[in-house]
C-alpha cells in the first residue's frame, strides 16, 4: 500500500516542502533515507539469563560444605546399613530454605536412593519421604 504524499522532514533535504512517498519516522522519504540509513544493521547483544540466581548460588556453596560434613558424620546408608553413604536424600522437597535443613536429610547409597524413589508407598510409611 502506498502512503499519501507527505512533506519530507529530512533536515538535509535541499528542496523545502518536497512531497515524498514512503515517509518513515526515522529516515525521511524513500529517496532521502537511502543517504542517511545505516548500511548494516547492528545486532543487539542479548544478555544471557542466569541459570542460577545469586541467592541460590550462595545457598549451593553452603550446601556443598554442609553435605560433606553430614556424610562424614553419617558414613553408612540408612536404607542399606552394610553400604557406604555417598548421597544425601532430601525427605521433603529441597526448594527454598529446605535445601540447608539437615533435619530433613538422609545419608544414603546410590542403591538406597534408587530404592526410596522406586517404592514411594513404603518410603512414606517409613518416613523416608514426607509430603509437604
Protein backbone atom coordinates (compact mmCIF):
# COMPACT_ATOMS: atom_id res chain seq x y z
CA UNK A 1 0.00 0.00 0.00
CA UNK A 2 1.36 3.40 -0.98
CA UNK A 3 1.11 6.11 1.66
CA UNK A 4 -0.25 9.54 0.90
CA UNK A 5 2.30 12.13 -0.08
CA UNK A 6 3.71 13.93 2.93
CA UNK A 7 6.33 16.64 3.18
CA UNK A 8 9.79 15.20 3.75
CA UNK A 9 11.05 16.05 7.23
CA UNK A 10 14.66 15.33 6.40
CA UNK A 11 16.63 18.39 7.64
CA UNK A 12 19.25 17.91 4.91
CA UNK A 13 16.69 17.96 2.10
CA UNK A 14 17.56 20.89 -0.19
CA UNK A 15 14.07 21.30 -1.65
CA UNK A 16 11.87 22.69 1.14
CA UNK A 17 8.37 21.29 1.14
CA UNK A 18 9.23 18.47 -1.26
CA UNK A 19 6.42 15.90 -1.37
CA UNK A 20 7.72 12.35 -0.96
CA UNK A 21 6.30 8.83 -0.86
CA UNK A 22 7.07 6.23 1.83
CA UNK A 23 7.66 8.63 4.67
CA UNK A 24 9.29 6.89 7.62
CA UNK A 25 9.70 8.27 11.10
CA UNK A 26 13.43 7.68 11.34
CA UNK A 27 14.89 8.41 7.94
CA UNK A 28 12.54 10.63 5.93
CA UNK A 29 11.36 9.75 2.44
CA UNK A 30 12.49 6.78 0.38
CA UNK A 31 14.95 8.84 -1.67
CA UNK A 32 16.39 10.72 1.29
CA UNK A 33 16.53 7.75 3.65
CA UNK A 34 18.90 5.90 1.31
CA UNK A 35 21.50 8.60 2.03
CA UNK A 36 21.23 8.50 5.83
CA UNK A 37 20.11 4.98 6.67
CA UNK A 38 22.91 2.83 8.12
CA UNK A 39 24.23 0.30 5.62
CA UNK A 40 24.41 -2.62 8.06
CA UNK A 41 22.14 -3.46 10.92
CA UNK A 42 23.85 -3.72 14.27
CA UNK A 43 22.79 -6.80 16.17
CA UNK A 44 21.68 -6.31 19.73
CA UNK A 45 23.69 -8.43 22.09
CA UNK A 46 21.28 -10.45 24.15
CA UNK A 47 22.05 -10.81 27.79
CA UNK A 48 22.05 -14.44 28.85
CA UNK A 49 19.66 -15.42 31.61
CA UNK A 50 21.46 -16.74 34.66
CA UNK A 51 20.98 -20.46 35.17
CA UNK A 52 21.16 -19.96 38.95
CA UNK A 53 20.29 -16.78 40.84
CA UNK A 54 22.96 -15.21 43.04
CA UNK A 55 20.95 -16.15 46.16
CA UNK A 56 20.70 -19.78 45.07
CA UNK A 57 24.41 -19.83 44.17
CA UNK A 58 25.28 -18.80 47.76
CA UNK A 59 22.94 -21.50 49.08
CA UNK A 60 24.56 -24.10 46.82
CA UNK A 61 28.01 -23.19 48.16
CA UNK A 62 26.82 -23.59 51.74
CA UNK A 63 25.05 -26.85 50.82
CA UNK A 64 28.25 -28.32 49.39
CA UNK A 65 30.08 -27.73 52.68
CA UNK A 66 27.22 -28.99 54.87
CA UNK A 67 26.73 -32.03 52.65
CA UNK A 68 30.37 -33.04 53.01
CA UNK A 69 30.22 -32.67 56.81
CA UNK A 70 26.93 -34.59 57.01
CA UNK A 71 28.34 -37.52 55.03
CA UNK A 72 31.45 -37.59 57.25
CA UNK A 73 29.25 -37.79 60.36
CA UNK A 74 26.90 -40.38 58.78
CA UNK A 75 29.12 -42.72 56.77
CA UNK A 76 26.62 -45.61 56.44
CA UNK A 77 23.49 -45.82 54.29
CA UNK A 78 20.24 -45.55 56.28
CA UNK A 79 18.40 -47.85 53.82
CA UNK A 80 21.12 -50.49 53.38
CA UNK A 81 23.36 -50.26 56.51
CA UNK A 82 26.02 -52.53 55.01
CA UNK A 83 26.75 -49.94 52.24
CA UNK A 84 28.62 -46.64 52.48
CA UNK A 85 26.62 -43.44 52.10
CA UNK A 86 27.53 -41.44 49.01
CA UNK A 87 24.48 -39.18 48.57
CA UNK A 88 22.08 -37.02 50.51
CA UNK A 89 18.39 -37.84 50.22
CA UNK A 90 16.00 -34.98 50.99
CA UNK A 91 12.91 -36.36 52.73
CA UNK A 92 10.90 -33.28 51.76
CA UNK A 93 11.35 -31.14 48.65
CA UNK A 94 14.62 -29.23 48.65
CA UNK A 95 13.35 -25.89 47.39
CA UNK A 96 13.98 -22.64 49.24
CA UNK A 97 15.41 -22.80 52.75
CA UNK A 98 14.76 -26.57 52.99
CA UNK A 99 17.90 -27.13 50.94
CA UNK A 100 20.02 -26.38 54.02
CA UNK A 101 17.74 -28.01 56.65
CA UNK A 102 19.76 -31.08 57.71
CA UNK A 103 16.87 -32.42 59.83
CA UNK A 104 15.24 -33.46 56.53
CA UNK A 105 18.34 -35.21 55.16
CA UNK A 106 19.24 -38.89 54.97
CA UNK A 107 22.68 -40.30 54.20
CA UNK A 108 22.12 -42.99 51.56
CA UNK A 109 23.99 -45.03 48.99
CA UNK A 110 23.06 -44.82 45.33
CA UNK A 111 21.19 -48.12 45.60
CA UNK A 112 19.30 -46.88 48.66
CA UNK A 113 18.36 -43.65 46.93
CA UNK A 114 17.01 -45.50 43.91
CA UNK A 115 15.05 -47.84 46.20
CA UNK A 116 13.41 -44.91 48.04
CA UNK A 117 12.12 -43.35 44.81
CA UNK A 118 11.20 -46.69 43.22
CA UNK A 119 8.98 -47.61 46.22
CA UNK A 120 7.20 -44.42 47.30
CA UNK A 121 4.42 -46.15 49.25
CA UNK A 122 6.89 -47.93 51.52
CA UNK A 123 9.05 -44.81 51.72
CA UNK A 124 6.14 -42.72 53.02
CA UNK A 125 5.35 -45.40 55.62
CA UNK A 126 8.96 -45.48 56.86
CA UNK A 127 9.13 -41.65 56.65
CA UNK A 128 11.91 -41.68 54.11
CA UNK A 129 9.64 -39.35 52.13
CA UNK A 130 7.48 -36.66 53.72
CA UNK A 131 4.58 -34.92 51.97
CA UNK A 132 4.57 -31.20 52.21
